[in-house]
N, C-alpha and C. Protein backbone atom coordinates (compact mmCIF):
# COMPACT_ATOMS: atom_id res chain seq x y z
N MET A 1 3.83 -8.80 48.57
CA MET A 1 2.76 -9.64 48.22
C MET A 1 3.18 -10.76 47.34
N ARG A 2 2.68 -12.01 47.67
CA ARG A 2 3.13 -13.03 46.98
C ARG A 2 1.95 -13.81 45.95
N TRP A 3 2.18 -14.07 44.86
CA TRP A 3 1.23 -14.80 43.92
C TRP A 3 0.95 -16.00 44.43
N GLY A 4 -0.19 -16.31 44.67
CA GLY A 4 -0.41 -17.67 45.14
C GLY A 4 -1.85 -18.06 45.09
N TRP A 5 -2.39 -18.83 46.05
CA TRP A 5 -3.85 -19.47 45.81
C TRP A 5 -4.64 -18.25 46.40
N GLY A 6 -4.20 -17.32 47.30
CA GLY A 6 -5.11 -16.26 47.83
C GLY A 6 -5.64 -15.17 46.87
N TRP A 7 -4.38 -14.37 46.44
CA TRP A 7 -4.88 -13.21 45.49
C TRP A 7 -4.85 -13.52 43.92
N GLY A 8 -4.03 -14.32 43.54
CA GLY A 8 -3.97 -14.76 41.99
C GLY A 8 -5.05 -15.82 41.73
N GLY A 9 -6.14 -15.99 42.37
CA GLY A 9 -6.97 -16.87 41.94
C GLY A 9 -6.67 -18.42 41.61
N GLY A 10 -5.55 -18.71 42.13
CA GLY A 10 -5.11 -20.24 42.08
C GLY A 10 -4.09 -20.36 40.84
N TYR A 11 -4.05 -19.45 39.88
CA TYR A 11 -3.21 -19.58 38.69
C TYR A 11 -1.87 -18.99 38.79
N GLY A 12 -1.54 -18.34 39.97
CA GLY A 12 -0.09 -17.81 40.37
C GLY A 12 0.05 -16.29 39.78
N SER A 13 -0.93 -15.78 38.97
CA SER A 13 -0.50 -14.39 38.56
C SER A 13 -1.81 -13.81 38.35
N PRO A 14 -2.06 -12.55 38.46
CA PRO A 14 -3.13 -11.75 38.08
C PRO A 14 -3.30 -11.83 36.59
N PHE A 15 -2.23 -12.13 35.73
CA PHE A 15 -2.45 -12.04 34.44
C PHE A 15 -2.79 -13.53 33.88
N TRP A 16 -3.47 -14.15 34.43
CA TRP A 16 -3.70 -15.93 34.06
C TRP A 16 -4.58 -15.76 32.79
N TRP A 17 -5.37 -14.69 32.61
CA TRP A 17 -6.35 -14.62 31.22
C TRP A 17 -5.48 -14.35 30.15
N LEU A 18 -4.28 -13.87 30.25
CA LEU A 18 -3.59 -13.43 29.23
C LEU A 18 -3.07 -14.62 28.20
N GLY A 19 -2.80 -15.72 28.62
CA GLY A 19 -2.67 -16.88 27.84
C GLY A 19 -3.76 -17.28 26.92
N PRO A 20 -4.95 -17.54 27.64
CA PRO A 20 -6.02 -17.81 26.61
C PRO A 20 -6.38 -16.84 25.76
N VAL A 21 -6.21 -15.62 26.02
CA VAL A 21 -6.64 -14.67 25.13
C VAL A 21 -5.74 -14.42 23.84
N LEU A 22 -4.60 -14.75 24.18
CA LEU A 22 -3.29 -14.65 23.20
C LEU A 22 -3.71 -15.95 22.17
N MET A 23 -4.13 -17.10 22.67
CA MET A 23 -4.23 -18.32 22.12
C MET A 23 -5.52 -17.97 21.22
N ALA A 24 -6.59 -17.45 21.72
CA ALA A 24 -7.75 -17.18 20.92
C ALA A 24 -7.34 -16.25 19.67
N LEU A 25 -6.73 -15.08 19.93
CA LEU A 25 -6.27 -14.33 18.79
C LEU A 25 -5.34 -15.02 17.83
N PHE A 26 -4.57 -15.81 18.32
CA PHE A 26 -3.77 -16.66 17.31
C PHE A 26 -4.66 -17.36 16.40
N TRP A 27 -5.83 -18.18 16.75
CA TRP A 27 -6.44 -19.05 16.09
C TRP A 27 -7.47 -18.26 15.37
N ILE A 28 -7.85 -17.07 15.74
CA ILE A 28 -8.65 -16.32 14.93
C ILE A 28 -7.70 -15.82 13.73
N ALA A 29 -6.53 -15.36 13.95
CA ALA A 29 -5.75 -15.05 12.72
C ALA A 29 -5.62 -15.96 11.67
N VAL A 30 -5.16 -17.39 12.26
CA VAL A 30 -5.19 -18.51 11.31
C VAL A 30 -6.38 -18.76 10.41
N LEU A 31 -7.54 -18.84 11.19
CA LEU A 31 -8.85 -18.87 10.49
C LEU A 31 -9.06 -17.89 9.50
N GLY A 32 -8.74 -16.49 9.93
CA GLY A 32 -9.08 -15.43 8.93
C GLY A 32 -8.03 -15.63 7.68
N GLY A 33 -6.95 -16.11 7.90
CA GLY A 33 -5.89 -16.32 6.68
C GLY A 33 -6.54 -17.53 5.78
N ILE A 34 -6.97 -18.51 6.34
CA ILE A 34 -7.69 -19.50 5.73
C ILE A 34 -8.91 -18.92 4.72
N VAL A 35 -9.64 -18.22 5.48
CA VAL A 35 -10.75 -17.61 4.67
C VAL A 35 -10.38 -16.67 3.56
N VAL A 36 -9.27 -15.84 3.93
CA VAL A 36 -8.57 -14.98 2.87
C VAL A 36 -8.19 -15.75 1.54
N LEU A 37 -7.56 -16.98 1.82
CA LEU A 37 -7.06 -17.79 0.83
C LEU A 37 -8.05 -18.55 -0.08
N ILE A 38 -9.00 -18.88 0.60
CA ILE A 38 -10.17 -19.64 -0.11
C ILE A 38 -10.92 -18.46 -0.99
N ARG A 39 -11.19 -17.16 -0.54
CA ARG A 39 -11.73 -16.33 -1.27
C ARG A 39 -10.81 -16.10 -2.63
N GLN A 40 -9.55 -15.86 -2.47
CA GLN A 40 -8.64 -15.57 -3.60
C GLN A 40 -8.81 -16.68 -4.64
N MET A 41 -9.00 -17.98 -4.10
CA MET A 41 -8.97 -19.19 -5.06
C MET A 41 -10.32 -19.20 -5.69
N VAL A 42 -11.30 -18.78 -5.05
CA VAL A 42 -12.73 -18.75 -5.65
C VAL A 42 -12.72 -17.61 -6.69
N ARG A 43 -12.14 -16.46 -6.48
CA ARG A 43 -12.21 -15.37 -7.38
C ARG A 43 -11.42 -15.71 -8.65
N ARG A 44 -10.39 -16.47 -8.44
CA ARG A 44 -9.38 -17.00 -9.60
C ARG A 44 -10.16 -17.92 -10.37
N ASP A 45 -10.93 -18.72 -9.96
CA ASP A 45 -11.70 -19.92 -10.50
C ASP A 45 -13.01 -19.24 -11.20
N ARG A 46 -13.38 -18.01 -10.86
CA ARG A 46 -14.51 -17.23 -11.51
C ARG A 46 -14.07 -16.57 -12.73
N GLY A 47 -12.74 -16.69 -13.16
CA GLY A 47 -12.18 -16.11 -14.47
C GLY A 47 -11.68 -14.66 -14.22
N GLN A 48 -11.57 -14.16 -12.96
CA GLN A 48 -11.24 -12.86 -12.78
C GLN A 48 -9.59 -12.89 -12.89
N ASP A 49 -8.85 -13.16 -13.82
CA ASP A 49 -7.53 -13.21 -14.16
C ASP A 49 -7.08 -11.80 -14.35
N ARG A 50 -5.86 -11.58 -13.96
CA ARG A 50 -5.44 -10.22 -14.12
C ARG A 50 -4.49 -10.31 -15.36
N ASP A 51 -4.45 -11.18 -16.24
CA ASP A 51 -3.67 -11.41 -17.66
C ASP A 51 -4.33 -10.93 -18.71
N ASP A 52 -5.52 -10.61 -18.66
CA ASP A 52 -6.37 -10.08 -19.83
C ASP A 52 -5.95 -8.81 -20.42
N THR A 53 -5.78 -8.84 -21.64
CA THR A 53 -5.31 -7.54 -22.47
C THR A 53 -6.52 -6.33 -22.21
N ALA A 54 -6.02 -5.29 -22.46
CA ALA A 54 -6.95 -4.30 -22.42
C ALA A 54 -8.17 -4.17 -23.43
N LEU A 55 -7.66 -4.82 -24.50
CA LEU A 55 -8.72 -5.01 -25.65
C LEU A 55 -9.79 -6.09 -25.30
N GLN A 56 -9.38 -7.15 -24.53
CA GLN A 56 -10.35 -8.08 -23.96
C GLN A 56 -11.22 -7.41 -22.90
N ILE A 57 -10.86 -6.84 -22.05
CA ILE A 57 -11.68 -6.09 -20.91
C ILE A 57 -12.65 -5.11 -21.81
N LEU A 58 -12.12 -4.30 -22.58
CA LEU A 58 -13.09 -3.35 -23.39
C LEU A 58 -14.10 -4.36 -24.16
N GLN A 59 -13.64 -5.36 -24.69
CA GLN A 59 -14.71 -6.22 -25.47
C GLN A 59 -15.85 -6.80 -24.33
N ARG A 60 -15.39 -7.18 -23.24
CA ARG A 60 -16.35 -7.53 -22.33
C ARG A 60 -17.22 -6.53 -21.83
N ARG A 61 -16.58 -5.25 -21.58
CA ARG A 61 -17.53 -4.20 -21.11
C ARG A 61 -18.56 -3.77 -22.24
N TYR A 62 -18.25 -3.88 -23.35
CA TYR A 62 -19.22 -3.54 -24.41
C TYR A 62 -20.41 -4.63 -24.62
N ALA A 63 -19.83 -5.88 -24.34
CA ALA A 63 -20.74 -7.10 -24.54
C ALA A 63 -21.81 -6.94 -23.16
N ARG A 64 -21.28 -6.45 -22.12
CA ARG A 64 -22.26 -6.54 -20.97
C ARG A 64 -23.09 -5.08 -21.07
N GLY A 65 -22.77 -4.20 -21.93
CA GLY A 65 -23.75 -2.99 -22.07
C GLY A 65 -23.11 -1.98 -21.28
N GLU A 66 -22.00 -2.07 -20.68
CA GLU A 66 -21.48 -0.91 -19.78
C GLU A 66 -21.12 0.29 -20.67
N ILE A 67 -20.61 0.11 -21.97
CA ILE A 67 -20.32 1.52 -22.65
C ILE A 67 -21.15 1.28 -24.03
N SER A 68 -21.21 2.49 -24.65
CA SER A 68 -21.95 2.50 -25.90
C SER A 68 -21.18 2.01 -27.13
N LYS A 69 -21.68 2.02 -28.27
CA LYS A 69 -21.06 1.64 -29.33
C LYS A 69 -19.84 2.74 -29.67
N GLU A 70 -20.34 3.97 -29.62
CA GLU A 70 -19.38 4.88 -29.96
C GLU A 70 -18.11 4.95 -28.93
N GLN A 71 -18.56 4.75 -27.55
CA GLN A 71 -17.30 4.68 -26.78
C GLN A 71 -16.48 3.55 -26.86
N TYR A 72 -17.12 2.37 -27.35
CA TYR A 72 -16.20 1.23 -27.61
C TYR A 72 -15.30 1.53 -28.93
N GLU A 73 -15.84 2.07 -29.92
CA GLU A 73 -15.04 2.24 -31.07
C GLU A 73 -14.02 3.40 -30.71
N GLU A 74 -14.36 4.30 -29.89
CA GLU A 74 -13.32 5.43 -29.64
C GLU A 74 -12.23 4.65 -28.67
N MET A 75 -12.50 3.98 -27.84
CA MET A 75 -11.51 3.38 -26.82
C MET A 75 -10.72 2.32 -27.67
N ARG A 76 -11.33 1.64 -28.71
CA ARG A 76 -10.66 0.53 -29.43
C ARG A 76 -9.71 1.23 -30.29
N ARG A 77 -9.92 2.33 -30.85
CA ARG A 77 -8.95 3.12 -31.76
C ARG A 77 -7.72 3.65 -31.00
N GLU A 78 -8.08 3.98 -29.64
CA GLU A 78 -7.01 4.44 -28.78
C GLU A 78 -6.08 3.40 -28.45
N LEU A 79 -6.51 2.19 -28.30
CA LEU A 79 -5.85 0.94 -27.96
C LEU A 79 -5.03 0.40 -28.92
N SER A 80 -5.26 0.67 -30.28
CA SER A 80 -4.57 -0.03 -31.33
C SER A 80 -3.58 0.92 -31.79
């Protein structure tokens, strides 16, 4: 059986759809990578740096009301 205009739909192969599908997957991966990079940059701009000390994180948690004064004092003593 030859691949030609009759059986292959004019593209010469029954796998003519593979090229466009792979190209679409490539562009989806590229755009997904761009979205991930932008999200990382936005997070960094919001002040979510990883360089904070444990005491700074503890102070922020206390200021937001996530922990009580007793918990704050106990954790501060452990960190010092």
